[in-house]
Amino acid sequence: MSDTLPNCLTRTPTINWSLPEPGTWFYLHCANCGIVTSYVRATELPVEYAFSLCNDCVEKYGEPAGFTKTPDDVFREKVEGAMRERYGHVLTQPEIELELDNPSSIISLLARDARRS
């Protein structure tokens, strides 16, 4: 028996004028709790299948075996790990802004590294 992840896209696209780029979008829902996690523009690619988990469900239940991560997710985890190691917690937005002003802080170094990638 093979493990198949559920399709998390709505079956029909929805016109949404409230997004930064109004138009026709497919909603992407969390496979576990059902909240909307993202949107896919109907005209960007042939939309047939997509799987998604929200951050809360991943934290609570973990990721499925073999689940792939985007480079942004990997970078975000690297930054959060550096924050916990250096500061003992994940920094708030105002704390991050203060650290970015300091060119020798770990946050500034990671930000510069991300721009080079």
PDB file of N, CA and C in Angstrom:
ATOM      1  N   MET A   1       0.849  -1.181   0.000  1.00  0.00           N
ATOM      2  CA  MET A   1       0.000   0.000   0.000  1.00  0.00           C
ATOM      3  C   MET A   1       0.892   1.239   0.000  1.00  0.00           C
ATOM      4  N   SER A   2       0.630   2.148  -0.895  1.00  0.00           N
ATOM      5  CA  SER A   2       1.439   3.365  -0.963  1.00  0.00           C
ATOM      6  C   SER A   2       0.807   4.475  -0.133  1.00  0.00           C
ATOM      7  N   ASP A   3       1.658   5.344   0.391  1.00  0.00           N
ATOM      8  CA  ASP A   3       1.182   6.496   1.135  1.00  0.00           C
ATOM      9  C   ASP A   3       0.917   7.620   0.157  1.00  0.00           C
ATOM     10  N   THR A   4      -0.307   8.089   0.103  1.00  0.00           N
ATOM     11  CA  THR A   4      -0.675   9.178  -0.795  1.00  0.00           C
ATOM     12  C   THR A   4      -1.159  10.346   0.039  1.00  0.00           C
ATOM     13  N   LEU A   5      -0.577  11.495  -0.216  1.00  0.00           N
ATOM     14  CA  LEU A   5      -1.000  12.697   0.498  1.00  0.00           C
ATOM     15  C   LEU A   5      -2.254  13.269  -0.159  1.00  0.00           C
ATOM     16  N   PRO A   6      -3.154  13.841   0.623  1.00  0.00           N
ATOM     17  CA  PRO A   6      -4.395  14.370   0.054  1.00  0.00           C
ATOM     18  C   PRO A   6      -4.161  15.646  -0.757  1.00  0.00           C
ATOM     19  N   ASN A   7      -5.035  15.878  -1.719  1.00  0.00           N
ATOM     20  CA  ASN A   7      -5.000  17.106  -2.499  1.00  0.00           C
ATOM     21  C   ASN A   7      -5.638  18.209  -1.653  1.00  0.00           C
ATOM     22  N   CYS A   8      -4.920  19.294  -1.428  1.00  0.00           N
ATOM     23  CA  CYS A   8      -5.380  20.360  -0.546  1.00  0.00           C
ATOM     24  C   CYS A   8      -5.906  21.579  -1.306  1.00  0.00           C
ATOM     25  N   LEU A   9      -6.001  21.490  -2.621  1.00  0.00           N
ATOM     26  CA  LEU A   9      -6.531  22.598  -3.417  1.00  0.00           C
ATOM     27  C   LEU A   9      -8.047  22.511  -3.508  1.00  0.00           C
ATOM     28  N   THR A  10      -8.681  23.680  -3.556  1.00  0.00           N
ATOM     29  CA  THR A  10     -10.113  23.686  -3.824  1.00  0.00           C
ATOM     30  C   THR A  10     -10.338  23.181  -5.245  1.00  0.00           C
ATOM     31  N   ARG A  11     -11.511  22.644  -5.511  1.00  0.00           N
ATOM     32  CA  ARG A  11     -11.789  22.107  -6.842  1.00  0.00           C
ATOM     33  C   ARG A  11     -12.051  23.187  -7.873  1.00  0.00           C
ATOM     34  N   THR A  12     -12.612  24.282  -7.425  1.00  0.00           N
ATOM     35  CA  THR A  12     -12.911  25.373  -8.361  1.00  0.00           C
ATOM     36  C   THR A  12     -12.212  26.640  -7.884  1.00  0.00           C
ATOM     37  N   PRO A  13     -11.725  27.441  -8.820  1.00  0.00           N
ATOM     38  CA  PRO A  13     -11.070  28.697  -8.428  1.00  0.00           C
ATOM     39  C   PRO A  13     -12.080  29.713  -7.928  1.00  0.00           C
ATOM     40  N   THR A  14     -11.595  30.686  -7.173  1.00  0.00           N
ATOM     41  CA  THR A  14     -12.419  31.745  -6.610  1.00  0.00           C
ATOM     42  C   THR A  14     -11.846  33.086  -7.025  1.00  0.00           C
ATOM     43  N   ILE A  15     -12.718  34.008  -7.375  1.00  0.00           N
ATOM     44  CA  ILE A  15     -12.261  35.359  -7.676  1.00  0.00           C
ATOM     45  C   ILE A  15     -12.128  36.094  -6.347  1.00  0.00           C
ATOM     46  N   ASN A  16     -10.939  36.629  -6.099  1.00  0.00           N
ATOM     47  CA  ASN A  16     -10.669  37.322  -4.838  1.00  0.00           C
ATOM     48  C   ASN A  16     -10.070  38.687  -5.154  1.00  0.00           C
ATOM     49  N   TRP A  17     -10.813  39.731  -4.809  1.00  0.00           N
ATOM     50  CA  TRP A  17     -10.359  41.108  -5.070  1.00  0.00           C
ATOM     51  C   TRP A  17      -9.588  41.691  -3.900  1.00  0.00           C
ATOM     52  N   SER A  18      -9.527  40.975  -2.769  1.00  0.00           N
ATOM     53  CA  SER A  18      -8.868  41.523  -1.580  1.00  0.00           C
ATOM     54  C   SER A  18      -7.373  41.213  -1.518  1.00  0.00           C
ATOM     55  N   LEU A  19      -6.882  40.355  -2.398  1.00  0.00           N
ATOM     56  CA  LEU A  19      -5.458  40.035  -2.404  1.00  0.00           C
ATOM     57  C   LEU A  19      -4.663  41.146  -3.072  1.00  0.00           C
ATOM     58  N   PRO A  20      -3.361  41.241  -2.798  1.00  0.00           N
ATOM     59  CA  PRO A  20      -2.542  42.278  -3.437  1.00  0.00           C
ATOM     60  C   PRO A  20      -2.619  42.242  -4.960  1.00  0.00           C
ATOM     61  N   GLU A  21      -2.789  41.051  -5.538  1.00  0.00           N
ATOM     62  CA  GLU A  21      -2.982  40.911  -6.980  1.00  0.00           C
ATOM     63  C   GLU A  21      -4.351  40.266  -7.197  1.00  0.00           C
ATOM     64  N   PRO A  22      -5.403  41.083  -7.330  1.00  0.00           N
ATOM     65  CA  PRO A  22      -6.748  40.521  -7.486  1.00  0.00           C
ATOM     66  C   PRO A  22      -6.832  39.628  -8.716  1.00  0.00           C
ATOM     67  N   GLY A  23      -7.678  38.637  -8.633  1.00  0.00           N
ATOM     68  CA  GLY A  23      -7.858  37.740  -9.763  1.00  0.00           C
ATOM     69  C   GLY A  23      -8.455  36.424  -9.332  1.00  0.00           C
ATOM     70  N   THR A  24      -8.274  35.419 -10.165  1.00  0.00           N
ATOM     71  CA  THR A  24      -8.831  34.100  -9.915  1.00  0.00           C
ATOM     72  C   THR A  24      -7.769  33.215  -9.272  1.00  0.00           C
ATOM     73  N   TRP A  25      -8.099  32.675  -8.112  1.00  0.00           N
ATOM     74  CA  TRP A  25      -7.146  31.914  -7.308  1.00  0.00           C
ATOM     75  C   TRP A  25      -7.754  30.595  -6.856  1.00  0.00           C
ATOM     76  N   PHE A  26      -6.907  29.591  -6.705  1.00  0.00           N
ATOM     77  CA  PHE A  26      -7.283  28.362  -6.014  1.00  0.00           C
ATOM     78  C   PHE A  26      -6.807  28.514  -4.575  1.00  0.00           C
ATOM     79  N   TYR A  27      -7.655  28.175  -3.615  1.00  0.00           N
ATOM     80  CA  TYR A  27      -7.256  28.217  -2.212  1.00  0.00           C
ATOM     81  C   TYR A  27      -6.565  26.904  -1.868  1.00  0.00           C
ATOM     82  N   LEU A  28      -5.529  26.988  -1.055  1.00  0.00           N
ATOM     83  CA  LEU A  28      -4.792  25.825  -0.585  1.00  0.00           C
ATOM     84  C   LEU A  28      -5.055  25.701   0.913  1.00  0.00           C
ATOM     85  N   HIS A  29      -5.577  24.551   1.334  1.00  0.00           N
ATOM     86  CA  HIS A  29      -5.969  24.334   2.726  1.00  0.00           C
ATOM     87  C   HIS A  29      -5.011  23.375   3.423  1.00  0.00           C
ATOM     88  N   CYS A  30      -4.899  23.519   4.737  1.00  0.00           N
ATOM     89  CA  CYS A  30      -4.122  22.579   5.546  1.00  0.00           C
ATOM     90  C   CYS A  30      -4.809  21.217   5.487  1.00  0.00           C
ATOM     91  N   ALA A  31      -4.036  20.164   5.223  1.00  0.00           N
ATOM     92  CA  ALA A  31      -4.585  18.812   5.119  1.00  0.00           C
ATOM     93  C   ALA A  31      -5.138  18.310   6.451  1.00  0.00           C
ATOM     94  N   ASN A  32      -4.674  18.896   7.550  1.00  0.00           N
ATOM     95  CA  ASN A  32      -5.100  18.417   8.854  1.00  0.00           C
ATOM     96  C   ASN A  32      -6.286  19.214   9.413  1.00  0.00           C
ATOM     97  N   CYS A  33      -6.144  20.533   9.519  1.00  0.00           N
ATOM     98  CA  CYS A  33      -7.194  21.326  10.174  1.00  0.00           C
ATOM     99  C   CYS A  33      -8.087  22.082   9.201  1.00  0.00           C
ATOM    100  N   GLY A  34      -7.669  22.233   7.932  1.00  0.00           N
ATOM    101  CA  GLY A  34      -8.523  22.839   6.924  1.00  0.00           C
ATOM    102  C   GLY A  34      -8.432  24.340   6.749  1.00  0.00           C
ATOM    103  N   ILE A  35      -7.596  25.028   7.553  1.00  0.00           N
ATOM    104  CA  ILE A  35      -7.511  26.478   7.367  1.00  0.00           C
ATOM    105  C   ILE A  35      -6.797  26.792   6.052  1.00  0.00           C
ATOM    106  N   VAL A  36      -7.070  27.960   5.491  1.00  0.00           N
ATOM    107  CA  VAL A  36      -6.411  28.365   4.259  1.00  0.00           C
ATOM    108  C   VAL A  36      -4.954  28.691   4.573  1.00  0.00           C
ATOM    109  N   THR A  37      -4.038  28.025   3.867  1.00  0.00           N
ATOM    110  CA  THR A  37      -2.613  28.248   4.101  1.00  0.00           C
ATOM    111  C   THR A  37      -1.982  29.114   3.024  1.00  0.00           C
ATOM    112  N   SER A  38      -2.575  29.109   1.827  1.00  0.00           N
ATOM    113  CA  SER A  38      -1.994  29.871   0.732  1.00  0.00           C
ATOM    114  C   SER A  38      -2.984  29.945  -0.420  1.00  0.00           C
ATOM    115  N   TYR A  39      -2.533  30.575  -1.494  1.00  0.00           N
ATOM    116  CA  TYR A  39      -3.334  30.698  -2.706  1.00  0.00           C
ATOM    117  C   TYR A  39      -2.454  30.383  -3.899  1.00  0.00           C
ATOM    118  N   VAL A  40      -3.049  29.843  -4.951  1.00  0.00           N
ATOM    119  CA  VAL A  40      -2.332  29.585  -6.192  1.00  0.00           C
ATOM    120  C   VAL A  40      -3.118  30.273  -7.305  1.00  0.00           C
ATOM    121  N   ARG A  41      -2.456  31.146  -8.063  1.00  0.00           N
ATOM    122  CA  ARG A  41      -3.131  31.849  -9.157  1.00  0.00           C
ATOM    123  C   ARG A  41      -3.549  30.836 -10.223  1.00  0.00           C
ATOM    124  N   ALA A  42      -4.771  30.918 -10.640  1.00  0.00           N
ATOM    125  CA  ALA A  42      -5.320  29.958 -11.596  1.00  0.00           C
ATOM    126  C   ALA A  42      -4.586  29.983 -12.928  1.00  0.00           C
ATOM    127  N   THR A  43      -4.000  31.121 -13.295  1.00  0.00           N
ATOM    128  CA  THR A  43      -3.351  31.231 -14.598  1.00  0.00           C
ATOM    129  C   THR A  43      -1.862  30.891 -14.577  1.00  0.00           C
ATOM    130  N   GLU A  44      -1.273  30.665 -13.400  1.00  0.00           N
ATOM    131  CA  GLU A  44       0.165  30.453 -13.314  1.00  0.00           C
ATOM    132  C   GLU A  44       0.627  29.101 -13.820  1.00  0.00           C
ATOM    133  N   LEU A  45      -0.114  28.059 -13.535  1.00  0.00           N
ATOM    134  CA  LEU A  45       0.296  26.725 -13.933  1.00  0.00           C
ATOM    135  C   LEU A  45      -0.926  25.829 -13.971  1.00  0.00           C
ATOM    136  N   PRO A  46      -0.822  24.697 -14.621  1.00  0.00           N
ATOM    137  CA  PRO A  46      -1.962  23.778 -14.579  1.00  0.00           C
ATOM    138  C   PRO A  46      -2.093  23.214 -13.164  1.00  0.00           C
ATOM    139  N   VAL A  47      -3.088  23.643 -12.454  1.00  0.00           N
ATOM    140  CA  VAL A  47      -3.258  23.263 -11.061  1.00  0.00           C
ATOM    141  C   VAL A  47      -4.067  21.974 -10.989  1.00  0.00           C
ATOM    142  N   GLU A  48      -3.422  20.926 -10.512  1.00  0.00           N
ATOM    143  CA  GLU A  48      -4.124  19.658 -10.360  1.00  0.00           C
ATOM    144  C   GLU A  48      -3.983  19.101  -8.946  1.00  0.00           C
ATOM    145  N   TYR A  49      -2.837  19.376  -8.316  1.00  0.00           N
ATOM    146  CA  TYR A  49      -2.578  18.774  -7.018  1.00  0.00           C
ATOM    147  C   TYR A  49      -1.624  19.649  -6.220  1.00  0.00           C
ATOM    148  N   ALA A  50      -1.893  19.778  -4.951  1.00  0.00           N
ATOM    149  CA  ALA A  50      -0.965  20.433  -4.024  1.00  0.00           C
ATOM    150  C   ALA A  50      -1.273  19.932  -2.620  1.00  0.00           C
ATOM    151  N   PHE A  51      -0.245  19.776  -1.820  1.00  0.00           N
ATOM    152  CA  PHE A  51      -0.393  19.346  -0.436  1.00  0.00           C
ATOM    153  C   PHE A  51       0.160  20.435   0.463  1.00  0.00           C
ATOM    154  N   SER A  52      -0.494  20.656   1.600  1.00  0.00           N
ATOM    155  CA  SER A  52      -0.044  21.704   2.519  1.00  0.00           C
ATOM    156  C   SER A  52      -0.404  21.344   3.951  1.00  0.00           C
ATOM    157  N   LEU A  53       0.463  21.762   4.865  1.00  0.00           N
ATOM    158  CA  LEU A  53       0.174  21.710   6.297  1.00  0.00           C
ATOM    159  C   LEU A  53       0.450  23.097   6.857  1.00  0.00           C
ATOM    160  N   CYS A  54      -0.387  23.571   7.758  1.00  0.00           N
ATOM    161  CA  CYS A  54      -0.125  24.868   8.393  1.00  0.00           C
ATOM    162  C   CYS A  54       0.989  24.700   9.427  1.00  0.00           C
ATOM    163  N   ASN A  55       1.607  25.795   9.798  1.00  0.00           N
ATOM    164  CA  ASN A  55       2.712  25.744  10.760  1.00  0.00           C
ATOM    165  C   ASN A  55       2.279  25.174  12.106  1.00  0.00           C
ATOM    166  N   ASP A  56       1.056  25.512  12.555  1.00  0.00           N
ATOM    167  CA  ASP A  56       0.575  25.001  13.847  1.00  0.00           C
ATOM    168  C   ASP A  56       0.470  23.473  13.841  1.00  0.00           C
ATOM    169  N   CYS A  57      -0.056  22.901  12.750  1.00  0.00           N
ATOM    170  CA  CYS A  57      -0.183  21.438  12.673  1.00  0.00           C
ATOM    171  C   CYS A  57       1.177  20.759  12.573  1.00  0.00           C
ATOM    172  N   VAL A  58       2.115  21.370  11.860  1.00  0.00           N
ATOM    173  CA  VAL A  58       3.460  20.797  11.775  1.00  0.00           C
ATOM    174  C   VAL A  58       4.103  20.794  13.158  1.00  0.00           C
ATOM    175  N   GLU A  59       3.944  21.887  13.909  1.00  0.00           N
ATOM    176  CA  GLU A  59       4.510  21.948  15.259  1.00  0.00           C
ATOM    177  C   GLU A  59       3.849  20.933  16.179  1.00  0.00           C
ATOM    178  N   LYS A  60       2.536  20.769  16.046  1.00  0.00           N
ATOM    179  CA  LYS A  60       1.788  19.889  16.939  1.00  0.00           C
ATOM    180  C   LYS A  60       1.976  18.407  16.598  1.00  0.00           C
ATOM    181  N   TYR A  61       1.943  18.061  15.287  1.00  0.00           N
ATOM    182  CA  TYR A  61       1.936  16.653  14.881  1.00  0.00           C
ATOM    183  C   TYR A  61       3.180  16.205  14.119  1.00  0.00           C
ATOM    184  N   GLY A  62       4.023  17.143  13.714  1.00  0.00           N
ATOM    185  CA  GLY A  62       5.203  16.795  12.935  1.00  0.00           C
ATOM    186  C   GLY A  62       4.891  16.718  11.447  1.00  0.00           C
ATOM    187  N   GLU A  63       5.946  16.517  10.663  1.00  0.00           N
ATOM    188  CA  GLU A  63       5.794  16.456   9.211  1.00  0.00           C
ATOM    189  C   GLU A  63       5.676  15.013   8.756  1.00  0.00           C
ATOM    190  N   PRO A  64       4.980  14.771   7.640  1.00  0.00           N
ATOM    191  CA  PRO A  64       4.926  13.413   7.094  1.00  0.00           C
ATOM    192  C   PRO A  64       6.315  12.962   6.653  1.00  0.00           C
ATOM    193  N   ALA A  65       6.566  11.671   6.671  1.00  0.00           N
ATOM    194  CA  ALA A  65       7.856  11.136   6.229  1.00  0.00           C
ATOM    195  C   ALA A  65       8.083  11.520   4.775  1.00  0.00           C
ATOM    196  N   GLY A  66       9.298  11.966   4.482  1.00  0.00           N
ATOM    197  CA  GLY A  66       9.640  12.331   3.110  1.00  0.00           C
ATOM    198  C   GLY A  66       9.111  13.680   2.667  1.00  0.00           C
ATOM    199  N   PHE A  67       8.609  14.473   3.584  1.00  0.00           N
ATOM    200  CA  PHE A  67       8.052  15.780   3.257  1.00  0.00           C
ATOM    201  C   PHE A  67       9.174  16.714   2.832  1.00  0.00           C
ATOM    202  N   THR A  68       9.043  17.343   1.692  1.00  0.00           N
ATOM    203  CA  THR A  68      10.092  18.238   1.212  1.00  0.00           C
ATOM    204  C   THR A  68       9.893  19.633   1.769  1.00  0.00           C
ATOM    205  N   LYS A  69      10.977  20.374   1.874  1.00  0.00           N
ATOM    206  CA  LYS A  69      10.937  21.738   2.376  1.00  0.00           C
ATOM    207  C   LYS A  69      11.470  22.672   1.312  1.00  0.00           C
ATOM    208  N   THR A  70      10.930  23.865   1.297  1.00  0.00           N
ATOM    209  CA  THR A  70      11.432  24.870   0.372  1.00  0.00           C
ATOM    210  C   THR A  70      12.706  25.472   0.945  1.00  0.00           C
ATOM    211  N   PRO A  71      13.550  26.066   0.112  1.00  0.00           N
ATOM    212  CA  PRO A  71      14.738  26.736   0.644  1.00  0.00           C
ATOM    213  C   PRO A  71      14.390  27.807   1.670  1.00  0.00           C
ATOM    214  N   ASP A  72      13.241  28.483   1.502  1.00  0.00           N
ATOM    215  CA  ASP A  72      12.826  29.490   2.480  1.00  0.00           C
ATOM    216  C   ASP A  72      12.562  28.859   3.842  1.00  0.00           C
ATOM    217  N   ASP A  73      11.933  27.682   3.865  1.00  0.00           N
ATOM    218  CA  ASP A  73      11.673  26.993   5.131  1.00  0.00           C
ATOM    219  C   ASP A  73      12.974  26.600   5.816  1.00  0.00           C
ATOM    220  N   VAL A  74      13.910  26.092   5.037  1.00  0.00           N
ATOM    221  CA  VAL A  74      15.203  25.690   5.586  1.00  0.00           C
ATOM    222  C   VAL A  74      15.925  26.903   6.155  1.00  0.00           C
ATOM    223  N   PHE A  75      15.919  28.023   5.423  1.00  0.00           N
ATOM    224  CA  PHE A  75      16.567  29.242   5.904  1.00  0.00           C
ATOM    225  C   PHE A  75      15.887  29.747   7.177  1.00  0.00           C
ATOM    226  N   ARG A  76      14.552  29.740   7.206  1.00  0.00           N
ATOM    227  CA  ARG A  76      13.808  30.203   8.383  1.00  0.00           C
ATOM    228  C   ARG A  76      14.167  29.369   9.611  1.00  0.00           C
ATOM    229  N   GLU A  77      14.280  28.046   9.432  1.00  0.00           N
ATOM    230  CA  GLU A  77      14.667  27.181  10.546  1.00  0.00           C
ATOM    231  C   GLU A  77      16.087  27.492  11.017  1.00  0.00           C
ATOM    232  N   LYS A  78      16.970  27.775  10.072  1.00  0.00           N
ATOM    233  CA  LYS A  78      18.353  28.121  10.410  1.00  0.00           C
ATOM    234  C   LYS A  78      18.391  29.414  11.234  1.00  0.00           C
ATOM    235  N   VAL A  79      17.612  30.409  10.832  1.00  0.00           N
ATOM    236  CA  VAL A  79      17.558  31.682  11.551  1.00  0.00           C
ATOM    237  C   VAL A  79      16.963  31.489  12.940  1.00  0.00           C
ATOM    238  N   GLU A  80      15.858  30.739  13.036  1.00  0.00           N
ATOM    239  CA  GLU A  80      15.243  30.513  14.344  1.00  0.00           C
ATOM    240  C   GLU A  80      16.168  29.741  15.272  1.00  0.00           C
ATOM    241  N   GLY A  81      16.898  28.770  14.735  1.00  0.00           N
ATOM    242  CA  GLY A  81      17.861  28.019  15.544  1.00  0.00           C
ATOM    243  C   GLY A  81      18.977  28.914  16.057  1.00  0.00           C
ATOM    244  N   ALA A  82      19.463  29.814  15.185  1.00  0.00           N
ATOM    245  CA  ALA A  82      20.515  30.749  15.598  1.00  0.00           C
ATOM    246  C   ALA A  82      19.993  31.691  16.684  1.00  0.00           C
ATOM    247  N   MET A  83      18.737  32.127  16.556  1.00  0.00           N
ATOM    248  CA  MET A  83      18.145  33.011  17.577  1.00  0.00           C
ATOM    249  C   MET A  83      18.056  32.296  18.922  1.00  0.00           C
ATOM    250  N   ARG A  84      17.562  31.063  18.904  1.00  0.00           N
ATOM    251  CA  ARG A  84      17.421  30.317  20.160  1.00  0.00           C
ATOM    252  C   ARG A  84      18.776  30.075  20.814  1.00  0.00           C
ATOM    253  N   GLU A  85      19.765  29.748  19.982  1.00  0.00           N
ATOM    254  CA  GLU A  85      21.101  29.483  20.511  1.00  0.00           C
ATOM    255  C   GLU A  85      21.724  30.745  21.099  1.00  0.00           C
ATOM    256  N   ARG A  86      21.607  31.845  20.401  1.00  0.00           N
ATOM    257  CA  ARG A  86      22.266  33.091  20.814  1.00  0.00           C
ATOM    258  C   ARG A  86      21.484  33.862  21.871  1.00  0.00           C
ATOM    259  N   TYR A  87      20.139  33.938  21.692  1.00  0.00           N
ATOM    260  CA  TYR A  87      19.319  34.797  22.543  1.00  0.00           C
ATOM    261  C   TYR A  87      18.401  34.029  23.496  1.00  0.00           C
ATOM    262  N   GLY A  88      18.277  32.715  23.310  1.00  0.00           N
ATOM    263  CA  GLY A  88      17.431  31.916  24.190  1.00  0.00           C
ATOM    264  C   GLY A  88      15.971  31.873  23.778  1.00  0.00           C
ATOM    265  N   HIS A  89      15.598  32.587  22.728  1.00  0.00           N
ATOM    266  CA  HIS A  89      14.223  32.591  22.230  1.00  0.00           C
ATOM    267  C   HIS A  89      14.213  33.145  20.803  1.00  0.00           C
ATOM    268  N   VAL A  90      13.082  32.973  20.119  1.00  0.00           N
ATOM    269  CA  VAL A  90      12.922  33.560  18.786  1.00  0.00           C
ATOM    270  C   VAL A  90      12.600  35.038  18.987  1.00  0.00           C
ATOM    271  N   LEU A  91      13.362  35.894  18.343  1.00  0.00           N
ATOM    272  CA  LEU A  91      13.213  37.335  18.532  1.00  0.00           C
ATOM    273  C   LEU A  91      11.908  37.868  17.946  1.00  0.00           C
ATOM    274  N   THR A  92      11.388  38.922  18.562  1.00  0.00           N
ATOM    275  CA  THR A  92      10.223  39.619  18.033  1.00  0.00           C
ATOM    276  C   THR A  92      10.675  40.533  16.894  1.00  0.00           C
ATOM    277  N   GLN A  93       9.728  41.061  16.146  1.00  0.00           N
ATOM    278  CA  GLN A  93      10.072  41.939  15.025  1.00  0.00           C
ATOM    279  C   GLN A  93      10.896  43.150  15.471  1.00  0.00           C
ATOM    280  N   PRO A  94      10.515  43.868  16.555  1.00  0.00           N
ATOM    281  CA  PRO A  94      11.353  44.995  16.991  1.00  0.00           C
ATOM    282  C   PRO A  94      12.769  44.567  17.394  1.00  0.00           C
ATOM    283  N   GLU A  95      12.899  43.391  18.031  1.00  0.00           N
ATOM    284  CA  GLU A  95      14.224  42.888  18.402  1.00  0.00           C
ATOM    285  C   GLU A  95      15.060  42.568  17.162  1.00  0.00           C
ATOM    286  N   ILE A  96      14.415  42.000  16.141  1.00  0.00           N
ATOM    287  CA  ILE A  96      15.116  41.690  14.891  1.00  0.00           C
ATOM    288  C   ILE A  96      15.613  42.965  14.231  1.00  0.00           C
ATOM    289  N   GLU A  97      14.779  43.988  14.207  1.00  0.00           N
ATOM    290  CA  GLU A  97      15.173  45.262  13.595  1.00  0.00           C
ATOM    291  C   GLU A  97      16.375  45.874  14.308  1.00  0.00           C
ATOM    292  N   LEU A  98      16.412  45.775  15.633  1.00  0.00           N
ATOM    293  CA  LEU A  98      17.573  46.265  16.377  1.00  0.00           C
ATOM    294  C   LEU A  98      18.829  45.476  16.026  1.00  0.00           C
ATOM    295  N   GLU A  99      18.684  44.159  15.904  1.00  0.00           N
ATOM    296  CA  GLU A  99      19.826  43.322  15.563  1.00  0.00           C
ATOM    297  C   GLU A  99      20.322  43.583  14.143  1.00  0.00           C
ATOM    298  N   LEU A 100      19.408  43.877  13.224  1.00  0.00           N
ATOM    299  CA  LEU A 100      19.814  44.165  11.845  1.00  0.00           C
ATOM    300  C   LEU A 100      20.611  45.462  11.756  1.00  0.00           C
ATOM    301  N   ASP A 101      20.400  46.372  12.702  1.00  0.00           N
ATOM    302  CA  ASP A 101      21.171  47.625  12.740  1.00  0.00           C
ATOM    303  C   ASP A 101      22.616  47.393  13.181  1.00  0.00           C
ATOM    304  N   ASN A 102      22.868  46.267  13.855  1.00  0.00           N
ATOM    305  CA  ASN A 102      24.207  45.930  14.325  1.00  0.00           C
ATOM    306  C   ASN A 102      24.874  45.035  13.281  1.00  0.00           C
ATOM    307  N   PRO A 103      25.854  45.537  12.528  1.00  0.00           N
ATOM    308  CA  PRO A 103      26.444  44.747  11.436  1.00  0.00           C
ATOM    309  C   PRO A 103      27.169  43.478  11.892  1.00  0.00           C
ATOM    310  N   SER A 104      27.512  43.362  13.171  1.00  0.00           N
ATOM    311  CA  SER A 104      28.225  42.167  13.628  1.00  0.00           C
ATOM    312  C   SER A 104      27.306  41.139  14.299  1.00  0.00           C
ATOM    313  N   SER A 105      26.004  41.403  14.371  1.00  0.00           N
ATOM    314  CA  SER A 105      25.096  40.436  15.005  1.00  0.00           C
ATOM    315  C   SER A 105      24.872  39.238  14.090  1.00  0.00           C
ATOM    316  N   ILE A 106      24.527  38.111  14.688  1.00  0.00           N
ATOM    317  CA  ILE A 106      24.280  36.889  13.920  1.00  0.00           C
ATOM    318  C   ILE A 106      23.132  37.086  12.948  1.00  0.00           C
ATOM    319  N   ILE A 107      22.137  37.883  13.317  1.00  0.00           N
ATOM    320  CA  ILE A 107      20.984  38.140  12.449  1.00  0.00           C
ATOM    321  C   ILE A 107      21.428  38.922  11.210  1.00  0.00           C
ATOM    322  N   SER A 108      22.282  39.910  11.385  1.00  0.00           N
ATOM    323  CA  SER A 108      22.811  40.676  10.247  1.00  0.00           C
ATOM    324  C   SER A 108      23.639  39.781   9.327  1.00  0.00           C
ATOM    325  N   LEU A 109      24.447  38.917   9.928  1.00  0.00           N
ATOM    326  CA  LEU A 109      25.266  38.004   9.128  1.00  0.00           C
ATOM    327  C   LEU A 109      24.395  37.054   8.304  1.00  0.00           C
ATOM    328  N   LEU A 110      23.338  36.515   8.915  1.00  0.00           N
ATOM    329  CA  LEU A 110      22.439  35.623   8.187  1.00  0.00           C
ATOM    330  C   LEU A 110      21.690  36.369   7.084  1.00  0.00           C
ATOM    331  N   ALA A 111      21.294  37.608   7.361  1.00  0.00           N
ATOM    332  CA  ALA A 111      20.591  38.408   6.356  1.00  0.00           C
ATOM    333  C   ALA A 111      21.493  38.681   5.153  1.00  0.00           C
ATOM    334  N   ARG A 112      22.749  39.017   5.416  1.00  0.00           N
ATOM    335  CA  ARG A 112      23.688  39.240   4.310  1.00  0.00           C
ATOM    336  C   ARG A 112      23.934  37.960   3.535  1.00  0.00           C
ATOM    337  N   ASP A 113      24.035  36.838   4.239  1.00  0.00           N
ATOM    338  CA  ASP A 113      24.239  35.540   3.602  1.00  0.00           C
ATOM    339  C   ASP A 113      23.048  35.201   2.702  1.00  0.00           C
ATOM    340  N   ALA A 114      21.831  35.497   3.151  1.00  0.00           N
ATOM    341  CA  ALA A 114      20.618  35.203   2.361  1.00  0.00           C
ATOM    342  C   ALA A 114      20.585  36.046   1.100  1.00  0.00           C
ATOM    343  N   ARG A 115      21.042  37.283   1.163  1.00  0.00           N
ATOM    344  CA  ARG A 115      21.045  38.150  -0.021  1.00  0.00           C
ATOM    345  C   ARG A 115      22.022  37.667  -1.080  1.00  0.00           C
ATOM    346  N   ARG A 116      23.122  37.029  -0.640  1.00  0.00           N
ATOM    347  CA  ARG A 116      24.109  36.507  -1.579  1.00  0.00           C
ATOM    348  C   ARG A 116      23.638  35.244  -2.283  1.00  0.00           C
ATOM    349  N   SER A 117      22.735  34.508  -1.649  1.00  0.00           N
ATOM    350  CA  SER A 117      22.259  33.215  -2.202  1.00  0.00           C
ATOM    351  C   SER A 117      21.326  33.422  -3.354  1.00  0.00           C
TER     352      SER A 117
END
